[in-house]
Amino acid sequence: MRILVTGAAGFIGSWLAESLSGSHEVIGLDGFLELPYGAPSKTRNIENFAKKGIKLISANLCDPKTLNQIPECEAVVHLAAMPGLTLSWERPDLYIENNLLATANLAKYFEDKSITKFIFVSTSSVYGRLAVGDEFSELLPISPYGATKLAAEKLLFSYHYEKGLPLSILRIFSVFGPRQRPDMMYSKLLNAAVHSEPIRIFGDGNQSRTNTYVGDIVDGIVQALVGAKTGEIYNLGGGEEVTLNEAMDHVESITERTLVKEFLDAKAGDQYRTNADTRKAQRDFGFSPKVSIYDGLQRQYDWMKSL
């Protein structure tokens, strides 16, 4: 099967493209945008693409003309997005363009194509400050990032209902592991520990997450390509809820360094607690996260040391 992976040079997209390449023909697409982190990280992410037979297209989905580069595909995994909470307050225009307009262009391009599956990778941020229930929980995003991802979900459902787009949505919860973006918390914690630099903590550290190891998320997306039901939404998240304070203890244990912490007021739009209810994904396509927070952080640390 030929599968298009958008955002293929990113953190999750690069791992997914490599995983799928073992049994499918993979077309990767990425805009190589400089925000919220530079293109060099993405270039490193794709260094194995050629030998794995992954064809990579450099294209910005905000320009519908660039989509003509995409060959005929049987399935789509739409990961491309502008991530990050803080930047979304500073530049909401980037999020409207790259999360909503780009998604609209992609949906329109595939509305008359014969694809069997369109997987949209969304986020737990659509639930808002507390993301602790199932897929029927109230949707109250508290950041422009979360709002644009929710708007993209609604837009895609209009294409599903009216144009027959074979849509399934995956809402993922705080992914970490090797290749994690440098602006994400676990990357910042590990870097701060290694370089003995102070780390700014927004809030009291008791905010919690069911962070998800990237390998578990990739497995979940691969499983969803086969078993996710059309027109359905699924949570994908780790099975272990930890506070930021507990995560910092793990980092200190793994690196054998003491973090110098500076506690500040919580950031606007930051979630206080997430706990992914993944029973629906487990039932429909066997999703089951396996890697613990500690083991995943150890793997991320080992990867950072190898760079």
C-alpha atoms as a PDB file:
ATOM      1  CA  MET A   1       0.000   0.000   0.000  1.00  0.00           C
ATOM      2  CA  ARG A   2       1.242   3.491  -0.813  1.00  0.00           C
ATOM      3  CA  ILE A   3       0.823   5.779   2.220  1.00  0.00           C
ATOM      4  CA  LEU A   4       1.306   9.541   2.411  1.00  0.00           C
ATOM      5  CA  VAL A   5       2.721  10.814   5.714  1.00  0.00           C
ATOM      6  CA  THR A   6       2.571  14.590   6.117  1.00  0.00           C
ATOM      7  CA  GLY A   7       4.987  16.136   8.595  1.00  0.00           C
ATOM      8  CA  ALA A   8       7.312  13.251   7.786  1.00  0.00           C
ATOM      9  CA  ALA A   9      10.487  15.065   8.839  1.00  0.00           C
ATOM     10  CA  GLY A  10       9.135  15.837  12.290  1.00  0.00           C
ATOM     11  CA  PHE A  11       9.471  14.038  15.597  1.00  0.00           C
ATOM     12  CA  ILE A  12       6.618  11.548  15.252  1.00  0.00           C
ATOM     13  CA  GLY A  13       6.376  11.648  11.458  1.00  0.00           C
ATOM     14  CA  SER A  14       9.954  10.511  10.874  1.00  0.00           C
ATOM     15  CA  TRP A  15       9.555   7.488  13.155  1.00  0.00           C
ATOM     16  CA  LEU A  16       6.210   6.635  11.571  1.00  0.00           C
ATOM     17  CA  ALA A  17       7.565   6.855   8.021  1.00  0.00           C
ATOM     18  CA  GLU A  18      10.449   4.552   8.906  1.00  0.00           C
ATOM     19  CA  SER A  19       8.138   2.075  10.638  1.00  0.00           C
ATOM     20  CA  LEU A  20       5.739   1.919   7.681  1.00  0.00           C
ATOM     21  CA  SER A  21       8.538   1.615   5.115  1.00  0.00           C
ATOM     22  CA  GLY A  22       9.184  -1.974   6.150  1.00  0.00           C
ATOM     23  CA  SER A  23       5.935  -3.171   4.586  1.00  0.00           C
ATOM     24  CA  HIS A  24       4.518  -0.256   2.575  1.00  0.00           C
ATOM     25  CA  GLU A  25       5.548   2.312  -0.003  1.00  0.00           C
ATOM     26  CA  VAL A  26       5.869   5.571   1.919  1.00  0.00           C
ATOM     27  CA  ILE A  27       5.617   9.081   0.499  1.00  0.00           C
ATOM     28  CA  GLY A  28       6.767  11.643   3.049  1.00  0.00           C
ATOM     29  CA  LEU A  29       5.835  15.316   2.810  1.00  0.00           C
ATOM     30  CA  ASP A  30       7.197  18.156   4.913  1.00  0.00           C
ATOM     31  CA  GLY A  31       7.353  21.939   4.645  1.00  0.00           C
ATOM     32  CA  PHE A  32      10.620  22.215   6.655  1.00  0.00           C
ATOM     33  CA  LEU A  33       9.369  25.314   8.464  1.00  0.00           C
ATOM     34  CA  GLU A  34      11.816  27.029  10.812  1.00  0.00           C
ATOM     35  CA  LEU A  35       9.320  27.426  13.647  1.00  0.00           C
ATOM     36  CA  PRO A  36       9.053  26.389  16.440  1.00  0.00           C
ATOM     37  CA  TYR A  37      12.451  24.750  15.879  1.00  0.00           C
ATOM     38  CA  GLY A  38      14.989  24.834  13.068  1.00  0.00           C
ATOM     39  CA  ALA A  39      15.233  22.703   9.951  1.00  0.00           C
ATOM     40  CA  PRO A  40      18.595  21.092  10.976  1.00  0.00           C
ATOM     41  CA  SER A  41      16.775  18.849  13.475  1.00  0.00           C
ATOM     42  CA  LYS A  42      14.403  17.719  10.744  1.00  0.00           C
ATOM     43  CA  THR A  43      17.297  17.087   8.365  1.00  0.00           C
ATOM     44  CA  ARG A  44      18.812  14.762  10.973  1.00  0.00           C
ATOM     45  CA  ASN A  45      15.459  13.006  11.418  1.00  0.00           C
ATOM     46  CA  ILE A  46      15.325  12.013   7.737  1.00  0.00           C
ATOM     47  CA  GLU A  47      18.909  10.891   7.249  1.00  0.00           C
ATOM     48  CA  ASN A  48      17.799   7.247   6.912  1.00  0.00           C
ATOM     49  CA  PHE A  49      14.913   7.906   4.520  1.00  0.00           C
ATOM     50  CA  ALA A  50      16.789   7.223   1.278  1.00  0.00           C
ATOM     51  CA  LYS A  51      18.120   3.819   2.303  1.00  0.00           C
ATOM     52  CA  LYS A  52      14.669   2.856   3.578  1.00  0.00           C
ATOM     53  CA  GLY A  53      13.131   3.739   0.233  1.00  0.00           C
ATOM     54  CA  ILE A  54      11.052   6.657   1.538  1.00  0.00           C
ATOM     55  CA  LYS A  55      10.336   9.285  -1.088  1.00  0.00           C
ATOM     56  CA  LEU A  56      10.336  12.774   0.428  1.00  0.00           C
ATOM     57  CA  ILE A  57       8.475  15.750  -1.005  1.00  0.00           C
ATOM     58  CA  SER A  58       9.324  19.247   0.233  1.00  0.00           C
ATOM     59  CA  ALA A  59       6.072  21.181   0.032  1.00  0.00           C
ATOM     60  CA  ASN A  60       4.031  23.664   2.046  1.00  0.00           C
ATOM     61  CA  LEU A  61       0.426  22.512   2.373  1.00  0.00           C
ATOM     62  CA  CYS A  62      -0.693  26.131   2.743  1.00  0.00           C
ATOM     63  CA  ASP A  63      -0.137  26.464  -1.017  1.00  0.00           C
ATOM     64  CA  PRO A  64      -2.642  24.146  -2.750  1.00  0.00           C
ATOM     65  CA  LYS A  65      -0.550  24.145  -5.953  1.00  0.00           C
ATOM     66  CA  THR A  66       2.204  22.199  -4.194  1.00  0.00           C
ATOM     67  CA  LEU A  67      -0.128  19.269  -3.597  1.00  0.00           C
ATOM     68  CA  ASN A  68       0.093  18.350  -7.267  1.00  0.00           C
ATOM     69  CA  GLN A  69       3.476  16.801  -6.410  1.00  0.00           C
ATOM     70  CA  ILE A  70       1.736  14.057  -4.444  1.00  0.00           C
ATOM     71  CA  PRO A  71       1.419  10.796  -6.378  1.00  0.00           C
ATOM     72  CA  GLU A  72      -1.651   8.597  -6.167  1.00  0.00           C
ATOM     73  CA  CYS A  73      -1.968   7.139  -2.652  1.00  0.00           C
ATOM     74  CA  GLU A  74      -4.190   4.634  -0.908  1.00  0.00           C
ATOM     75  CA  ALA A  75      -3.966   6.072   2.610  1.00  0.00           C
ATOM     76  CA  VAL A  76      -3.019   9.350   4.318  1.00  0.00           C
ATOM     77  CA  VAL A  77      -1.665  10.082   7.795  1.00  0.00           C
ATOM     78  CA  HIS A  78      -1.884  13.827   8.352  1.00  0.00           C
ATOM     79  CA  LEU A  79       0.641  14.771  11.036  1.00  0.00           C
ATOM     80  CA  ALA A  80       1.840  18.103   9.621  1.00  0.00           C
ATOM     81  CA  ALA A  81       0.980  20.963  11.969  1.00  0.00           C
ATOM     82  CA  MET A  82       2.351  24.002  13.738  1.00  0.00           C
ATOM     83  CA  PRO A  83       2.910  22.691  17.296  1.00  0.00           C
ATOM     84  CA  GLY A  84       3.526  24.426  20.603  1.00  0.00           C
ATOM     85  CA  LEU A  85       1.433  26.456  23.021  1.00  0.00           C
ATOM     86  CA  THR A  86       3.523  29.573  23.709  1.00  0.00           C
ATOM     87  CA  LEU A  87       4.115  30.446  20.069  1.00  0.00           C
ATOM     88  CA  SER A  88       0.413  30.052  19.325  1.00  0.00           C
ATOM     89  CA  TRP A  89      -0.306  33.085  21.538  1.00  0.00           C
ATOM     90  CA  GLU A  90       2.411  35.129  19.850  1.00  0.00           C
ATOM     91  CA  ARG A  91       1.644  34.123  16.251  1.00  0.00           C
ATOM     92  CA  PRO A  92      -1.900  32.745  15.992  1.00  0.00           C
ATOM     93  CA  ASP A  93      -1.782  33.443  12.253  1.00  0.00           C
ATOM     94  CA  LEU A  94       0.796  30.677  11.813  1.00  0.00           C
ATOM     95  CA  TYR A  95      -1.553  28.209  13.507  1.00  0.00           C
ATOM     96  CA  ILE A  96      -4.571  29.232  11.465  1.00  0.00           C
ATOM     97  CA  GLU A  97      -2.525  28.822   8.289  1.00  0.00           C
ATOM     98  CA  ASN A  98      -0.638  25.619   9.075  1.00  0.00           C
ATOM     99  CA  ASN A  99      -3.246  23.777  11.162  1.00  0.00           C
ATOM    100  CA  LEU A 100      -6.475  24.846   9.489  1.00  0.00           C
ATOM    101  CA  LEU A 101      -5.822  26.175   5.992  1.00  0.00           C
ATOM    102  CA  ALA A 102      -3.256  23.455   5.253  1.00  0.00           C
ATOM    103  CA  THR A 103      -5.695  20.780   6.442  1.00  0.00           C
ATOM    104  CA  ALA A 104      -8.463  22.257   4.287  1.00  0.00           C
ATOM    105  CA  ASN A 105      -6.190  22.151   1.235  1.00  0.00           C
ATOM    106  CA  LEU A 106      -5.270  18.523   1.901  1.00  0.00           C
ATOM    107  CA  ALA A 107      -8.889  17.484   2.417  1.00  0.00           C
ATOM    108  CA  LYS A 108      -9.983  19.199  -0.785  1.00  0.00           C
ATOM    109  CA  TYR A 109      -7.151  17.564  -2.720  1.00  0.00           C
ATOM    110  CA  PHE A 110      -8.235  14.087  -1.599  1.00  0.00           C
ATOM    111  CA  GLU A 111     -12.013  14.612  -1.755  1.00  0.00           C
ATOM    112  CA  ASP A 112     -12.228  12.989  -5.179  1.00  0.00           C
ATOM    113  CA  LYS A 113      -9.338  10.534  -4.778  1.00  0.00           C
ATOM    114  CA  SER A 114      -9.849   6.819  -4.130  1.00  0.00           C
ATOM    115  CA  ILE A 115      -8.220   6.499  -0.711  1.00  0.00           C
ATOM    116  CA  THR A 116      -9.234   3.924   1.883  1.00  0.00           C
ATOM    117  CA  LYS A 117      -8.132   5.754   5.041  1.00  0.00           C
ATOM    118  CA  PHE A 118      -7.452   9.350   6.108  1.00  0.00           C
ATOM    119  CA  ILE A 119      -5.938   9.494   9.596  1.00  0.00           C
ATOM    120  CA  PHE A 120      -5.841  12.942  11.191  1.00  0.00           C
ATOM    121  CA  VAL A 121      -3.499  13.201  14.166  1.00  0.00           C
ATOM    122  CA  SER A 122      -5.024  15.659  16.609  1.00  0.00           C
ATOM    123  CA  THR A 123      -4.178  16.459  20.221  1.00  0.00           C
ATOM    124  CA  SER A 124      -5.392  16.205  23.808  1.00  0.00           C
ATOM    125  CA  SER A 125      -5.269  20.022  23.841  1.00  0.00           C
ATOM    126  CA  VAL A 126      -8.751  20.044  22.293  1.00  0.00           C
ATOM    127  CA  TYR A 127     -10.086  18.991  25.726  1.00  0.00           C
ATOM    128  CA  GLY A 128      -8.630  21.980  27.531  1.00  0.00           C
ATOM    129  CA  ARG A 129      -7.140  22.348  30.991  1.00  0.00           C
ATOM    130  CA  LEU A 130      -8.282  18.916  32.195  1.00  0.00           C
ATOM    131  CA  ALA A 131      -8.061  16.075  29.679  1.00  0.00           C
ATOM    132  CA  VAL A 132      -9.031  13.119  31.819  1.00  0.00           C
ATOM    133  CA  GLY A 133     -12.068  11.501  30.218  1.00  0.00           C
ATOM    134  CA  ASP A 134     -12.978   9.566  27.129  1.00  0.00           C
ATOM    135  CA  GLU A 135     -13.574  10.811  23.590  1.00  0.00           C
ATOM    136  CA  PHE A 136     -16.981  12.211  24.551  1.00  0.00           C
ATOM    137  CA  SER A 137     -15.482  14.630  27.081  1.00  0.00           C
ATOM    138  CA  GLU A 138     -16.271  18.335  26.758  1.00  0.00           C
ATOM    139  CA  LEU A 139     -14.095  20.174  24.231  1.00  0.00           C
ATOM    140  CA  LEU A 140     -12.765  23.425  25.726  1.00  0.00           C
ATOM    141  CA  PRO A 141      -9.360  24.271  24.181  1.00  0.00           C
ATOM    142  CA  ILE A 142      -7.549  27.026  26.093  1.00  0.00           C
ATOM    143  CA  SER A 143      -4.902  27.959  23.517  1.00  0.00           C
ATOM    144  CA  PRO A 144      -4.904  29.021  19.864  1.00  0.00           C
ATOM    145  CA  TYR A 145      -3.034  25.776  19.152  1.00  0.00           C
ATOM    146  CA  GLY A 146      -5.796  23.631  20.655  1.00  0.00           C
ATOM    147  CA  ALA A 147      -8.492  25.743  19.039  1.00  0.00           C
ATOM    148  CA  THR A 148      -7.022  25.369  15.544  1.00  0.00           C
ATOM    149  CA  LYS A 149      -6.620  21.611  15.944  1.00  0.00           C
ATOM    150  CA  LEU A 150     -10.249  21.304  17.041  1.00  0.00           C
ATOM    151  CA  ALA A 151     -11.329  23.478  14.109  1.00  0.00           C
ATOM    152  CA  ALA A 152      -9.363  21.171  11.791  1.00  0.00           C
ATOM    153  CA  GLU A 153     -11.213  18.162  13.253  1.00  0.00           C
ATOM    154  CA  LYS A 154     -14.576  19.806  12.553  1.00  0.00           C
ATOM    155  CA  LEU A 155     -13.542  20.795   9.045  1.00  0.00           C
ATOM    156  CA  LEU A 156     -12.454  17.243   8.233  1.00  0.00           C
ATOM    157  CA  PHE A 157     -15.721  15.848   9.537  1.00  0.00           C
ATOM    158  CA  SER A 158     -17.552  18.080   7.065  1.00  0.00           C
ATOM    159  CA  TYR A 159     -15.541  16.423   4.282  1.00  0.00           C
ATOM    160  CA  HIS A 160     -16.293  13.032   5.798  1.00  0.00           C
ATOM    161  CA  TYR A 161     -20.051  13.545   5.968  1.00  0.00           C
ATOM    162  CA  GLU A 162     -20.519  15.420   2.702  1.00  0.00           C
ATOM    163  CA  LYS A 163     -17.681  14.158   0.477  1.00  0.00           C
ATOM    164  CA  GLY A 164     -17.070  10.666   1.844  1.00  0.00           C
ATOM    165  CA  LEU A 165     -13.560  11.289   3.174  1.00  0.00           C
ATOM    166  CA  PRO A 166     -12.669   8.037   5.035  1.00  0.00           C
ATOM    167  CA  LEU A 167     -11.677   9.914   8.188  1.00  0.00           C
ATOM    168  CA  SER A 168     -10.472   8.631  11.556  1.00  0.00           C
ATOM    169  CA  ILE A 169      -9.087  10.996  14.207  1.00  0.00           C
ATOM    170  CA  LEU A 170      -6.402  10.201  16.779  1.00  0.00           C
ATOM    171  CA  ARG A 171      -6.014  12.567  19.733  1.00  0.00           C
ATOM    172  CA  ILE A 172      -2.519  12.032  21.084  1.00  0.00           C
ATOM    173  CA  PHE A 173      -1.259  12.857  24.563  1.00  0.00           C
ATOM    174  CA  SER A 174       2.185  14.467  25.171  1.00  0.00           C
ATOM    175  CA  VAL A 175       4.668  12.363  23.197  1.00  0.00           C
ATOM    176  CA  PHE A 176       8.335  11.997  24.203  1.00  0.00           C
ATOM    177  CA  GLY A 177      11.403   9.950  23.282  1.00  0.00           C
ATOM    178  CA  PRO A 178      14.320  10.142  20.832  1.00  0.00           C
ATOM    179  CA  ARG A 179      13.996  13.012  18.301  1.00  0.00           C
ATOM    180  CA  GLN A 180      11.638  14.924  20.587  1.00  0.00           C
ATOM    181  CA  ARG A 181      11.440  18.597  19.658  1.00  0.00           C
ATOM    182  CA  PRO A 182      13.952  20.724  21.600  1.00  0.00           C
ATOM    183  CA  ASP A 183      11.172  23.076  22.773  1.00  0.00           C
ATOM    184  CA  MET A 184       9.320  20.265  24.608  1.00  0.00           C
ATOM    185  CA  MET A 185       9.628  19.833  28.369  1.00  0.00           C
ATOM    186  CA  TYR A 186      11.413  16.493  28.599  1.00  0.00           C
ATOM    187  CA  SER A 187      14.048  17.680  26.115  1.00  0.00           C
ATOM    188  CA  LYS A 188      14.497  20.857  28.146  1.00  0.00           C
ATOM    189  CA  LEU A 189      14.815  18.907  31.395  1.00  0.00           C
ATOM    190  CA  LEU A 190      17.438  16.535  30.033  1.00  0.00           C
ATOM    191  CA  ASN A 191      19.428  19.362  28.445  1.00  0.00           C
ATOM    192  CA  ALA A 192      19.300  21.397  31.633  1.00  0.00           C
ATOM    193  CA  ALA A 193      20.540  18.464  33.699  1.00  0.00           C
ATOM    194  CA  VAL A 194      23.369  17.581  31.327  1.00  0.00           C
ATOM    195  CA  HIS A 195      24.603  21.160  30.993  1.00  0.00           C
ATOM    196  CA  SER A 196      23.959  22.169  34.630  1.00  0.00           C
ATOM    197  CA  GLU A 197      21.703  24.997  33.489  1.00  0.00           C
ATOM    198  CA  PRO A 198      18.688  26.311  35.411  1.00  0.00           C
ATOM    199  CA  ILE A 199      15.299  25.111  34.204  1.00  0.00           C
ATOM    200  CA  ARG A 200      12.193  27.290  34.377  1.00  0.00           C
ATOM    201  CA  ILE A 201       9.121  25.480  35.692  1.00  0.00           C
ATOM    202  CA  PHE A 202       5.819  27.151  34.923  1.00  0.00           C
ATOM    203  CA  GLY A 203       3.469  26.257  37.766  1.00  0.00           C
ATOM    204  CA  ASP A 204       4.108  24.318  40.963  1.00  0.00           C
ATOM    205  CA  GLY A 205       5.274  21.121  39.264  1.00  0.00           C
ATOM    206  CA  ASN A 206       2.191  19.189  40.337  1.00  0.00           C
ATOM    207  CA  GLN A 207       0.657  19.374  36.880  1.00  0.00           C
ATOM    208  CA  SER A 208       0.504  15.845  35.489  1.00  0.00           C
ATOM    209  CA  ARG A 209       0.550  14.065  32.137  1.00  0.00           C
ATOM    210  CA  THR A 210       0.128  10.585  30.741  1.00  0.00           C
ATOM    211  CA  ASN A 211       3.135  11.166  28.515  1.00  0.00           C
ATOM    212  CA  THR A 212       3.429   8.641  25.697  1.00  0.00           C
ATOM    213  CA  TYR A 213       6.606   7.100  24.343  1.00  0.00           C
ATOM    214  CA  VAL A 214       6.999   7.806  20.636  1.00  0.00           C
ATOM    215  CA  GLY A 215       7.304   4.115  19.752  1.00  0.00           C
ATOM    216  CA  ASP A 216       3.946   3.425  21.384  1.00  0.00           C
ATOM    217  CA  ILE A 217       2.322   6.272  19.441  1.00  0.00           C
ATOM    218  CA  VAL A 218       3.812   5.017  16.175  1.00  0.00           C
ATOM    219  CA  ASP A 219       2.502   1.516  16.891  1.00  0.00           C
ATOM    220  CA  GLY A 220      -0.917   3.001  17.608  1.00  0.00           C
ATOM    221  CA  ILE A 221      -1.016   4.910  14.316  1.00  0.00           C
ATOM    222  CA  VAL A 222       0.050   1.817  12.376  1.00  0.00           C
ATOM    223  CA  GLN A 223      -2.665  -0.201  14.106  1.00  0.00           C
ATOM    224  CA  ALA A 224      -5.224   2.532  13.385  1.00  0.00           C
ATOM    225  CA  LEU A 225      -4.455   2.384   9.667  1.00  0.00           C
ATOM    226  CA  VAL A 226      -5.858  -1.145   9.756  1.00  0.00           C
ATOM    227  CA  GLY A 227      -8.411  -1.162  12.539  1.00  0.00           C
ATOM    228  CA  ALA A 228      -9.682   2.357  13.246  1.00  0.00           C
ATOM    229  CA  LYS A 229     -13.306   2.787  12.252  1.00  0.00           C
ATOM    230  CA  THR A 230     -14.246   5.450   9.746  1.00  0.00           C
ATOM    231  CA  GLY A 231     -15.901   8.459  11.324  1.00  0.00           C
ATOM    232  CA  GLU A 232     -14.549   7.683  14.809  1.00  0.00           C
ATOM    233  CA  ILE A 233     -12.248   9.531  17.237  1.00  0.00           C
ATOM    234  CA  TYR A 234      -9.691   7.790  19.445  1.00  0.00           C
ATOM    235  CA  ASN A 235      -7.442   8.837  22.337  1.00  0.00           C
ATOM    236  CA  LEU A 236      -3.847   7.583  22.185  1.00  0.00           C
ATOM    237  CA  GLY A 237      -1.815   8.100  25.322  1.00  0.00           C
ATOM    238  CA  GLY A 238       0.499   6.471  27.802  1.00  0.00           C
ATOM    239  CA  GLY A 239      -0.849   4.419  30.672  1.00  0.00           C
ATOM    240  CA  GLU A 240       1.208   6.084  33.418  1.00  0.00           C
ATOM    241  CA  GLU A 241       0.275   9.484  34.852  1.00  0.00           C
ATOM    242  CA  VAL A 242       3.176  11.376  36.432  1.00  0.00           C
ATOM    243  CA  THR A 243       3.553  14.895  37.743  1.00  0.00           C
ATOM    244  CA  LEU A 244       6.232  17.204  36.433  1.00  0.00           C
ATOM    245  CA  ASN A 245       7.947  16.953  39.827  1.00  0.00           C
ATOM    246  CA  GLU A 246       8.060  13.161  39.482  1.00  0.00           C
ATOM    247  CA  ALA A 247       9.421  13.464  35.949  1.00  0.00           C
ATOM    248  CA  MET A 248      12.172  15.763  37.220  1.00  0.00           C
ATOM    249  CA  ASP A 249      13.103  13.157  39.835  1.00  0.00           C
ATOM    250  CA  HIS A 250      13.413  10.596  37.018  1.00  0.00           C
ATOM    251  CA  VAL A 251      15.659  12.939  35.018  1.00  0.00           C
ATOM    252  CA  GLU A 252      17.930  13.499  38.008  1.00  0.00           C
ATOM    253  CA  SER A 253      18.176   9.751  38.585  1.00  0.00           C
ATOM    254  CA  ILE A 254      18.926   8.965  34.923  1.00  0.00           C
ATOM    255  CA  THR A 255      21.475  11.744  34.378  1.00  0.00           C
ATOM    256  CA  GLU A 256      22.918  11.599  37.910  1.00  0.00           C
ATOM    257  CA  ARG A 257      22.670  15.385  37.977  1.00  0.00           C
ATOM    258  CA  THR A 258      20.669  17.786  40.149  1.00  0.00           C
ATOM    259  CA  LEU A 259      18.313  20.132  38.368  1.00  0.00           C
ATOM    260  CA  VAL A 260      18.424  23.815  39.284  1.00  0.00           C
ATOM    261  CA  LYS A 261      14.734  24.751  39.244  1.00  0.00           C
ATOM    262  CA  GLU A 262      13.181  28.182  38.902  1.00  0.00           C
ATOM    263  CA  PHE A 263       9.437  28.116  39.579  1.00  0.00           C
ATOM    264  CA  LEU A 264       7.297  30.692  37.765  1.00  0.00           C
ATOM    265  CA  ASP A 265       3.591  31.321  37.224  1.00  0.00           C
ATOM    266  CA  ALA A 266       1.793  28.846  34.977  1.00  0.00           C
ATOM    267  CA  LYS A 267       1.692  29.689  31.262  1.00  0.00           C
ATOM    268  CA  ALA A 268      -1.534  30.651  29.540  1.00  0.00           C
ATOM    269  CA  GLY A 269      -3.090  27.670  27.800  1.00  0.00           C
ATOM    270  CA  ASP A 270      -1.075  25.033  29.657  1.00  0.00           C
ATOM    271  CA  GLN A 271      -3.009  21.934  30.669  1.00  0.00           C
ATOM    272  CA  TYR A 272      -3.030  21.067  34.353  1.00  0.00           C
ATOM    273  CA  ARG A 273      -3.821  17.372  34.105  1.00  0.00           C
ATOM    274  CA  THR A 274      -4.117  14.794  31.347  1.00  0.00           C
ATOM    275  CA  ASN A 275      -4.939  11.132  31.732  1.00  0.00           C
ATOM    276  CA  ALA A 276      -5.717   9.383  28.477  1.00  0.00           C
ATOM    277  CA  ASP A 277      -8.699   7.054  28.454  1.00  0.00           C
ATOM    278  CA  THR A 278      -7.629   4.714  25.636  1.00  0.00           C
ATOM    279  CA  ARG A 279     -10.155   1.918  26.085  1.00  0.00           C
ATOM    280  CA  LYS A 280     -11.827   2.631  22.746  1.00  0.00           C
ATOM    281  CA  ALA A 281      -8.520   2.382  20.829  1.00  0.00           C
ATOM    282  CA  GLN A 282      -7.635  -0.780  22.723  1.00  0.00           C
ATOM    283  CA  ARG A 283     -10.982  -2.337  21.849  1.00  0.00           C
ATOM    284  CA  ASP A 284     -11.046  -1.380  18.159  1.00  0.00           C
ATOM    285  CA  PHE A 285      -7.429  -1.901  17.120  1.00  0.00           C
ATOM    286  CA  GLY A 286      -5.462  -3.233  20.071  1.00  0.00           C
ATOM    287  CA  PHE A 287      -3.629  -0.101  21.192  1.00  0.00           C
ATOM    288  CA  SER A 288      -1.649  -0.778  24.369  1.00  0.00           C
ATOM    289  CA  PRO A 289       1.282   1.454  25.457  1.00  0.00           C
ATOM    290  CA  LYS A 290       4.232  -0.532  26.745  1.00  0.00           C
ATOM    291  CA  VAL A 291       7.129   1.830  27.571  1.00  0.00           C
ATOM    292  CA  SER A 292       7.219   3.425  31.030  1.00  0.00           C
ATOM    293  CA  ILE A 293       8.095   7.070  31.638  1.00  0.00           C
ATOM    294  CA  TYR A 294      11.408   6.121  33.251  1.00  0.00           C
ATOM    295  CA  ASP A 295      12.473   3.718  30.492  1.00  0.00           C
ATOM    296  CA  GLY A 296      11.409   6.162  27.790  1.00  0.00           C
ATOM    297  CA  LEU A 297      13.385   8.990  29.381  1.00  0.00           C
ATOM    298  CA  GLN A 298      16.398   6.689  29.607  1.00  0.00           C
ATOM    299  CA  ARG A 299      16.123   5.983  25.866  1.00  0.00           C
ATOM    300  CA  GLN A 300      15.732   9.677  25.101  1.00  0.00           C
ATOM    301  CA  TYR A 301      18.806  10.468  27.206  1.00  0.00           C
ATOM    302  CA  ASP A 302      20.860   7.752  25.486  1.00  0.00           C
ATOM    303  CA  TRP A 303      19.836   9.162  22.099  1.00  0.00           C
ATOM    304  CA  MET A 304      20.825  12.704  23.121  1.00  0.00           C
ATOM    305  CA  LYS A 305      24.263  11.473  24.210  1.00  0.00           C
ATOM    306  CA  SER A 306      24.770   9.797  20.825  1.00  0.00           C
ATOM    307  CA  LEU A 307      24.347  13.032  18.832  1.00  0.00           C
END
